[in-house]
């Protein structure tokens, strides 16, 4: 079996009518240390003393926050999320400072480039499906050129649901106007690959560009 092939997906189809890509760690690299080191450096305890937390510890606190799902699924505005985290972490960043720091997680260089998407776009329809927030959506749309290749772009903060919920996959398929059996899904997180496969999509886990291109050739997409 080829490296990275999802055994639950069965024999690959000749050619999917659409390919749906996750973004983080598939198209755009993520650097948590770069974003959360400056946040960690500014955190104080209730007595005003500096706390010594690592960027990884701060990220775990943010992920575990009760408002995280609301932020990811569009029920909090960027300003409300900023105000919430400033209270939660006892920080004093202005909104522009926070926004710029939050966006440091996005690597400026992409993992997959426009050349691949331009080739794929001649063989099938393309869609993005990402768990992400309004601040990152704005940065992705403004800083990168890859979104222009994706007529369908589904973000969790725009549809009120996040992976692995079936609702976000179904929203993507509805926008594409296709049944699950006509689409290929690519993600770096196995749980999300499995969720797509359970809905009937052909789904593979992203590992490297080389292994992805092998999978695409097997499906007559390259």
C-alpha atoms as a PDB file:
ATOM      1  CA  UNK A   1       0.000   0.000   0.000  1.00  0.00           C
ATOM      2  CA  UNK A   2       1.327   3.456  -0.854  1.00  0.00           C
ATOM      3  CA  UNK A   3       2.499   5.588   2.028  1.00  0.00           C
ATOM      4  CA  UNK A   4      -0.278   7.777   3.413  1.00  0.00           C
ATOM      5  CA  UNK A   5      -3.109   5.982   1.593  1.00  0.00           C
ATOM      6  CA  UNK A   6      -6.191   5.752   3.759  1.00  0.00           C
ATOM      7  CA  UNK A   7      -7.111   2.032   3.902  1.00  0.00           C
ATOM      8  CA  UNK A   8     -10.709   2.920   4.722  1.00  0.00           C
ATOM      9  CA  UNK A   9     -11.180   4.636   1.382  1.00  0.00           C
ATOM     10  CA  UNK A  10     -10.926   1.445  -0.688  1.00  0.00           C
ATOM     11  CA  UNK A  11      -9.719   1.376  -4.286  1.00  0.00           C
ATOM     12  CA  UNK A  12      -9.156   4.889  -5.692  1.00  0.00           C
ATOM     13  CA  UNK A  13     -11.616   6.120  -8.276  1.00  0.00           C
ATOM     14  CA  UNK A  14     -10.533   6.887 -11.822  1.00  0.00           C
ATOM     15  CA  UNK A  15     -10.957  10.623 -11.411  1.00  0.00           C
ATOM     16  CA  UNK A  16     -12.833  12.570  -8.715  1.00  0.00           C
ATOM     17  CA  UNK A  17     -14.884  15.495  -9.961  1.00  0.00           C
ATOM     18  CA  UNK A  18     -13.625  17.673  -7.101  1.00  0.00           C
ATOM     19  CA  UNK A  19     -10.654  17.810  -4.747  1.00  0.00           C
ATOM     20  CA  UNK A  20     -11.146  19.413  -1.330  1.00  0.00           C
ATOM     21  CA  UNK A  21      -8.075  20.644   0.537  1.00  0.00           C
ATOM     22  CA  UNK A  22      -7.507  21.456   4.181  1.00  0.00           C
ATOM     23  CA  UNK A  23      -5.224  24.503   4.612  1.00  0.00           C
ATOM     24  CA  UNK A  24      -3.141  24.322   7.795  1.00  0.00           C
ATOM     25  CA  UNK A  25      -0.083  22.066   7.465  1.00  0.00           C
ATOM     26  CA  UNK A  26      -1.282  21.047   4.006  1.00  0.00           C
ATOM     27  CA  UNK A  27      -1.095  24.270   1.999  1.00  0.00           C
ATOM     28  CA  UNK A  28       0.199  26.704   4.631  1.00  0.00           C
ATOM     29  CA  UNK A  29       2.689  25.757   7.335  1.00  0.00           C
ATOM     30  CA  UNK A  30       1.945  26.710  10.935  1.00  0.00           C
ATOM     31  CA  UNK A  31       4.504  27.962  13.460  1.00  0.00           C
ATOM     32  CA  UNK A  32       2.930  28.016  16.906  1.00  0.00           C
ATOM     33  CA  UNK A  33       6.137  29.100  18.616  1.00  0.00           C
ATOM     34  CA  UNK A  34       6.430  32.224  16.498  1.00  0.00           C
ATOM     35  CA  UNK A  35       2.881  33.320  17.356  1.00  0.00           C
ATOM     36  CA  UNK A  36       2.628  32.284  20.985  1.00  0.00           C
ATOM     37  CA  UNK A  37       6.126  33.142  22.238  1.00  0.00           C
ATOM     38  CA  UNK A  38       5.316  36.899  22.315  1.00  0.00           C
ATOM     39  CA  UNK A  39       1.957  36.164  23.939  1.00  0.00           C
ATOM     40  CA  UNK A  40       3.576  33.911  26.553  1.00  0.00           C
ATOM     41  CA  UNK A  41       6.145  36.620  27.304  1.00  0.00           C
ATOM     42  CA  UNK A  42       3.409  39.100  28.228  1.00  0.00           C
ATOM     43  CA  UNK A  43       1.272  36.920  30.510  1.00  0.00           C
ATOM     44  CA  UNK A  44       1.024  37.964  34.170  1.00  0.00           C
ATOM     45  CA  UNK A  45      -0.639  36.294  37.124  1.00  0.00           C
ATOM     46  CA  UNK A  46      -3.342  37.827  39.322  1.00  0.00           C
ATOM     47  CA  UNK A  47      -0.683  39.615  41.400  1.00  0.00           C
ATOM     48  CA  UNK A  48       0.883  41.204  38.341  1.00  0.00           C
ATOM     49  CA  UNK A  49       3.951  38.969  38.336  1.00  0.00           C
ATOM     50  CA  UNK A  50       5.251  37.555  35.079  1.00  0.00           C
ATOM     51  CA  UNK A  51       4.238  33.945  34.458  1.00  0.00           C
ATOM     52  CA  UNK A  52       6.765  31.633  32.875  1.00  0.00           C
ATOM     53  CA  UNK A  53       4.736  29.677  30.345  1.00  0.00           C
ATOM     54  CA  UNK A  54       6.009  28.094  27.155  1.00  0.00           C
ATOM     55  CA  UNK A  55       4.321  28.842  23.811  1.00  0.00           C
ATOM     56  CA  UNK A  56       3.050  25.243  23.817  1.00  0.00           C
ATOM     57  CA  UNK A  57       1.463  25.720  27.252  1.00  0.00           C
ATOM     58  CA  UNK A  58      -0.249  28.907  26.117  1.00  0.00           C
ATOM     59  CA  UNK A  59      -1.561  27.150  22.996  1.00  0.00           C
ATOM     60  CA  UNK A  60      -3.016  24.348  25.146  1.00  0.00           C
ATOM     61  CA  UNK A  61      -4.739  26.945  27.344  1.00  0.00           C
ATOM     62  CA  UNK A  62      -6.235  28.622  24.277  1.00  0.00           C
ATOM     63  CA  UNK A  63      -7.407  25.315  22.767  1.00  0.00           C
ATOM     64  CA  UNK A  64      -9.028  24.299  26.047  1.00  0.00           C
ATOM     65  CA  UNK A  65     -10.785  27.640  26.498  1.00  0.00           C
ATOM     66  CA  UNK A  66     -14.570  27.284  26.648  1.00  0.00           C
ATOM     67  CA  UNK A  67     -14.978  30.000  24.006  1.00  0.00           C
ATOM     68  CA  UNK A  68     -12.647  28.350  21.471  1.00  0.00           C
ATOM     69  CA  UNK A  69     -15.488  26.571  19.604  1.00  0.00           C
ATOM     70  CA  UNK A  70     -17.408  29.861  19.440  1.00  0.00           C
ATOM     71  CA  UNK A  71     -14.352  31.560  17.962  1.00  0.00           C
ATOM     72  CA  UNK A  72     -13.723  28.826  15.421  1.00  0.00           C
ATOM     73  CA  UNK A  73     -17.382  28.639  14.414  1.00  0.00           C
ATOM     74  CA  UNK A  74     -18.042  32.353  14.012  1.00  0.00           C
ATOM     75  CA  UNK A  75     -20.038  33.107  17.145  1.00  0.00           C
ATOM     76  CA  UNK A  76     -17.437  35.597  18.383  1.00  0.00           C
ATOM     77  CA  UNK A  77     -16.177  38.633  16.489  1.00  0.00           C
ATOM     78  CA  UNK A  78     -12.416  39.257  16.306  1.00  0.00           C
ATOM     79  CA  UNK A  79     -12.820  42.113  18.782  1.00  0.00           C
ATOM     80  CA  UNK A  80     -14.749  39.904  21.214  1.00  0.00           C
ATOM     81  CA  UNK A  81     -12.112  37.156  20.958  1.00  0.00           C
ATOM     82  CA  UNK A  82      -9.362  39.708  21.557  1.00  0.00           C
ATOM     83  CA  UNK A  83     -11.131  41.086  24.634  1.00  0.00           C
ATOM     84  CA  UNK A  84     -11.832  37.593  25.955  1.00  0.00           C
ATOM     85  CA  UNK A  85      -8.210  36.436  25.639  1.00  0.00           C
ATOM     86  CA  UNK A  86      -6.861  39.631  27.152  1.00  0.00           C
ATOM     87  CA  UNK A  87      -8.983  38.949  30.249  1.00  0.00           C
ATOM     88  CA  UNK A  88      -8.285  35.216  30.203  1.00  0.00           C
ATOM     89  CA  UNK A  89      -4.512  35.557  29.882  1.00  0.00           C
ATOM     90  CA  UNK A  90      -4.183  38.902  31.676  1.00  0.00           C
ATOM     91  CA  UNK A  91      -2.578  40.559  28.663  1.00  0.00           C
ATOM     92  CA  UNK A  92      -2.659  44.191  27.573  1.00  0.00           C
ATOM     93  CA  UNK A  93      -2.148  43.965  23.799  1.00  0.00           C
ATOM     94  CA  UNK A  94      -4.131  46.358  21.644  1.00  0.00           C
ATOM     95  CA  UNK A  95      -6.336  44.750  19.009  1.00  0.00           C
ATOM     96  CA  UNK A  96      -3.902  45.542  16.129  1.00  0.00           C
ATOM     97  CA  UNK A  97      -1.012  44.130  18.194  1.00  0.00           C
ATOM     98  CA  UNK A  98      -2.996  40.997  18.988  1.00  0.00           C
ATOM     99  CA  UNK A  99      -4.154  40.541  15.370  1.00  0.00           C
ATOM    100  CA  UNK A 100      -0.603  40.824  14.035  1.00  0.00           C
ATOM    101  CA  UNK A 101       0.736  38.426  16.666  1.00  0.00           C
ATOM    102  CA  UNK A 102      -2.085  35.942  16.056  1.00  0.00           C
ATOM    103  CA  UNK A 103      -1.233  35.903  12.350  1.00  0.00           C
ATOM    104  CA  UNK A 104       2.434  35.099  13.000  1.00  0.00           C
ATOM    105  CA  UNK A 105       1.406  31.448  13.132  1.00  0.00           C
ATOM    106  CA  UNK A 106       1.034  31.451   9.326  1.00  0.00           C
ATOM    107  CA  UNK A 107       4.253  30.640   7.465  1.00  0.00           C
ATOM    108  CA  UNK A 108       4.810  33.059   4.576  1.00  0.00           C
ATOM    109  CA  UNK A 109       5.952  30.250   2.249  1.00  0.00           C
ATOM    110  CA  UNK A 110       3.401  27.646   1.215  1.00  0.00           C
ATOM    111  CA  UNK A 111       3.826  23.866   1.303  1.00  0.00           C
ATOM    112  CA  UNK A 112       1.858  23.384  -1.911  1.00  0.00           C
ATOM    113  CA  UNK A 113       2.027  26.041  -4.602  1.00  0.00           C
ATOM    114  CA  UNK A 114      -0.014  27.630  -7.351  1.00  0.00           C
ATOM    115  CA  UNK A 115       1.571  25.368  -9.955  1.00  0.00           C
ATOM    116  CA  UNK A 116      -0.074  22.276  -8.494  1.00  0.00           C
ATOM    117  CA  UNK A 117      -3.462  23.944  -8.110  1.00  0.00           C
ATOM    118  CA  UNK A 118      -3.358  25.351 -11.637  1.00  0.00           C
ATOM    119  CA  UNK A 119      -2.752  21.835 -13.012  1.00  0.00           C
ATOM    120  CA  UNK A 120      -5.459  20.289 -10.858  1.00  0.00           C
ATOM    121  CA  UNK A 121      -7.909  23.000 -11.823  1.00  0.00           C
ATOM    122  CA  UNK A 122      -7.861  21.776 -15.425  1.00  0.00           C
ATOM    123  CA  UNK A 123      -8.909  18.274 -14.340  1.00  0.00           C
ATOM    124  CA  UNK A 124     -11.449  18.861 -11.559  1.00  0.00           C
ATOM    125  CA  UNK A 125     -13.124  21.418  -9.340  1.00  0.00           C
ATOM    126  CA  UNK A 126     -11.238  22.690  -6.297  1.00  0.00           C
ATOM    127  CA  UNK A 127     -12.453  23.596  -2.812  1.00  0.00           C
ATOM    128  CA  UNK A 128     -10.942  24.628   0.518  1.00  0.00           C
ATOM    129  CA  UNK A 129     -12.289  23.255   3.797  1.00  0.00           C
ATOM    130  CA  UNK A 130     -10.658  24.608   6.933  1.00  0.00           C
ATOM    131  CA  UNK A 131     -11.245  24.997  10.652  1.00  0.00           C
ATOM    132  CA  UNK A 132     -10.177  28.602  11.017  1.00  0.00           C
ATOM    133  CA  UNK A 133     -11.143  31.994  12.395  1.00  0.00           C
ATOM    134  CA  UNK A 134     -11.955  35.404  10.869  1.00  0.00           C
ATOM    135  CA  UNK A 135      -8.512  36.882  11.570  1.00  0.00           C
ATOM    136  CA  UNK A 136      -6.737  34.044   9.803  1.00  0.00           C
ATOM    137  CA  UNK A 137      -9.253  34.033   6.951  1.00  0.00           C
ATOM    138  CA  UNK A 138      -8.511  37.690   6.246  1.00  0.00           C
ATOM    139  CA  UNK A 139      -4.760  37.036   6.290  1.00  0.00           C
ATOM    140  CA  UNK A 140      -5.055  33.966   4.066  1.00  0.00           C
ATOM    141  CA  UNK A 141      -7.192  35.804   1.515  1.00  0.00           C
ATOM    142  CA  UNK A 142      -4.982  38.894   1.446  1.00  0.00           C
ATOM    143  CA  UNK A 143      -1.452  37.509   1.750  1.00  0.00           C
ATOM    144  CA  UNK A 144      -1.548  34.376  -0.377  1.00  0.00           C
ATOM    145  CA  UNK A 145      -2.283  33.702  -4.017  1.00  0.00           C
ATOM    146  CA  UNK A 146      -3.508  30.091  -3.700  1.00  0.00           C
ATOM    147  CA  UNK A 147      -7.146  30.981  -2.802  1.00  0.00           C
ATOM    148  CA  UNK A 148      -7.730  32.256  -6.342  1.00  0.00           C
ATOM    149  CA  UNK A 149      -7.604  28.652  -7.564  1.00  0.00           C
ATOM    150  CA  UNK A 150     -10.464  27.632  -5.250  1.00  0.00           C
ATOM    151  CA  UNK A 151     -13.925  28.837  -6.321  1.00  0.00           C
ATOM    152  CA  UNK A 152     -15.412  27.118  -3.260  1.00  0.00           C
ATOM    153  CA  UNK A 153     -13.924  28.150   0.091  1.00  0.00           C
ATOM    154  CA  UNK A 154     -15.558  26.813   3.256  1.00  0.00           C
ATOM    155  CA  UNK A 155     -14.296  28.147   6.580  1.00  0.00           C
ATOM    156  CA  UNK A 156     -15.632  26.927   9.924  1.00  0.00           C
ATOM    157  CA  UNK A 157     -16.153  30.500  11.124  1.00  0.00           C
ATOM    158  CA  UNK A 158     -18.377  31.174   8.097  1.00  0.00           C
ATOM    159  CA  UNK A 159     -20.637  28.113   8.295  1.00  0.00           C
ATOM    160  CA  UNK A 160     -20.977  27.689  12.069  1.00  0.00           C
ATOM    161  CA  UNK A 161     -19.534  24.174  12.174  1.00  0.00           C
ATOM    162  CA  UNK A 162     -16.062  22.682  12.381  1.00  0.00           C
ATOM    163  CA  UNK A 163     -14.409  19.387  11.552  1.00  0.00           C
ATOM    164  CA  UNK A 164     -15.029  16.576  12.322  1.00  0.00           C
ATOM    165  CA  UNK A 165     -18.726  17.548  12.278  1.00  0.00           C
ATOM    166  CA  UNK A 166     -20.507  16.142   9.240  1.00  0.00           C
ATOM    167  CA  UNK A 167     -22.175  19.530   8.740  1.00  0.00           C
ATOM    168  CA  UNK A 168     -19.038  21.256   7.449  1.00  0.00           C
ATOM    169  CA  UNK A 169     -18.268  18.496   4.937  1.00  0.00           C
ATOM    170  CA  UNK A 170     -21.869  18.539   3.765  1.00  0.00           C
ATOM    171  CA  UNK A 171     -21.760  22.332   3.371  1.00  0.00           C
ATOM    172  CA  UNK A 172     -18.737  21.934   1.099  1.00  0.00           C
ATOM    173  CA  UNK A 173     -20.398  19.247  -1.017  1.00  0.00           C
ATOM    174  CA  UNK A 174     -23.543  21.369  -1.324  1.00  0.00           C
ATOM    175  CA  UNK A 175     -21.494  24.303  -2.594  1.00  0.00           C
ATOM    176  CA  UNK A 176     -19.790  21.996  -5.080  1.00  0.00           C
ATOM    177  CA  UNK A 177     -23.128  20.494  -6.101  1.00  0.00           C
ATOM    178  CA  UNK A 178     -21.694  16.987  -5.850  1.00  0.00           C
ATOM    179  CA  UNK A 179     -22.355  13.799  -3.875  1.00  0.00           C
ATOM    180  CA  UNK A 180     -19.644  12.628  -1.479  1.00  0.00           C
ATOM    181  CA  UNK A 181     -18.667   9.797  -3.813  1.00  0.00           C
ATOM    182  CA  UNK A 182     -17.501  12.301  -6.449  1.00  0.00           C
ATOM    183  CA  UNK A 183     -15.029  14.146  -4.191  1.00  0.00           C
ATOM    184  CA  UNK A 184     -11.529  13.583  -2.829  1.00  0.00           C
ATOM    185  CA  UNK A 185     -10.607  15.087   0.552  1.00  0.00           C
ATOM    186  CA  UNK A 186      -7.042  15.842   1.740  1.00  0.00           C
ATOM    187  CA  UNK A 187      -6.126  16.646   5.360  1.00  0.00           C
ATOM    188  CA  UNK A 188      -3.133  16.166   7.653  1.00  0.00           C
ATOM    189  CA  UNK A 189      -5.256  15.101  10.658  1.00  0.00           C
ATOM    190  CA  UNK A 190      -6.350  11.482  10.570  1.00  0.00           C
ATOM    191  CA  UNK A 191      -9.515  12.132  12.592  1.00  0.00           C
ATOM    192  CA  UNK A 192     -10.711  14.540   9.919  1.00  0.00           C
ATOM    193  CA  UNK A 193      -9.729  12.165   7.121  1.00  0.00           C
ATOM    194  CA  UNK A 194     -11.737   9.417   8.818  1.00  0.00           C
ATOM    195  CA  UNK A 195     -14.759  11.700   9.246  1.00  0.00           C
ATOM    196  CA  UNK A 196     -14.712  12.478   5.530  1.00  0.00           C
ATOM    197  CA  UNK A 197     -14.336   8.800   4.653  1.00  0.00           C
ATOM    198  CA  UNK A 198     -17.281   7.904   6.898  1.00  0.00           C
ATOM    199  CA  UNK A 199     -19.434  10.278   4.821  1.00  0.00           C
ATOM    200  CA  UNK A 200     -18.438   8.519   1.602  1.00  0.00           C
ATOM    201  CA  UNK A 201     -15.660  10.789   0.377  1.00  0.00           C
ATOM    202  CA  UNK A 202     -12.438   9.376  -1.008  1.00  0.00           C
ATOM    203  CA  UNK A 203     -10.051  10.691   1.677  1.00  0.00           C
ATOM    204  CA  UNK A 204      -6.288  10.631   2.181  1.00  0.00           C
ATOM    205  CA  UNK A 205      -3.957  11.943   4.841  1.00  0.00           C
ATOM    206  CA  UNK A 206      -1.406  14.494   3.663  1.00  0.00           C
ATOM    207  CA  UNK A 207       2.206  13.718   4.503  1.00  0.00           C
ATOM    208  CA  UNK A 208       4.441  15.102   1.762  1.00  0.00           C
ATOM    209  CA  UNK A 209       3.956  16.742  -1.611  1.00  0.00           C
ATOM    210  CA  UNK A 210       5.582  13.745  -3.310  1.00  0.00           C
ATOM    211  CA  UNK A 211       3.194  11.229  -1.735  1.00  0.00           C
ATOM    212  CA  UNK A 212       0.220  13.498  -2.466  1.00  0.00           C
ATOM    213  CA  UNK A 213       1.174  13.726  -6.140  1.00  0.00           C
ATOM    214  CA  UNK A 214       1.378   9.923  -6.254  1.00  0.00           C
ATOM    215  CA  UNK A 215      -2.181   9.701  -4.939  1.00  0.00           C
ATOM    216  CA  UNK A 216      -3.354  12.297  -7.452  1.00  0.00           C
ATOM    217  CA  UNK A 217      -1.746  10.419 -10.345  1.00  0.00           C
ATOM    218  CA  UNK A 218      -3.448   7.206  -9.189  1.00  0.00           C
ATOM    219  CA  UNK A 219      -6.738   9.070  -9.526  1.00  0.00           C
ATOM    220  CA  UNK A 220      -5.886  10.419 -13.011  1.00  0.00           C
ATOM    221  CA  UNK A 221      -5.682  14.000 -11.683  1.00  0.00           C
ATOM    222  CA  UNK A 222      -2.071  14.701 -12.717  1.00  0.00           C
END
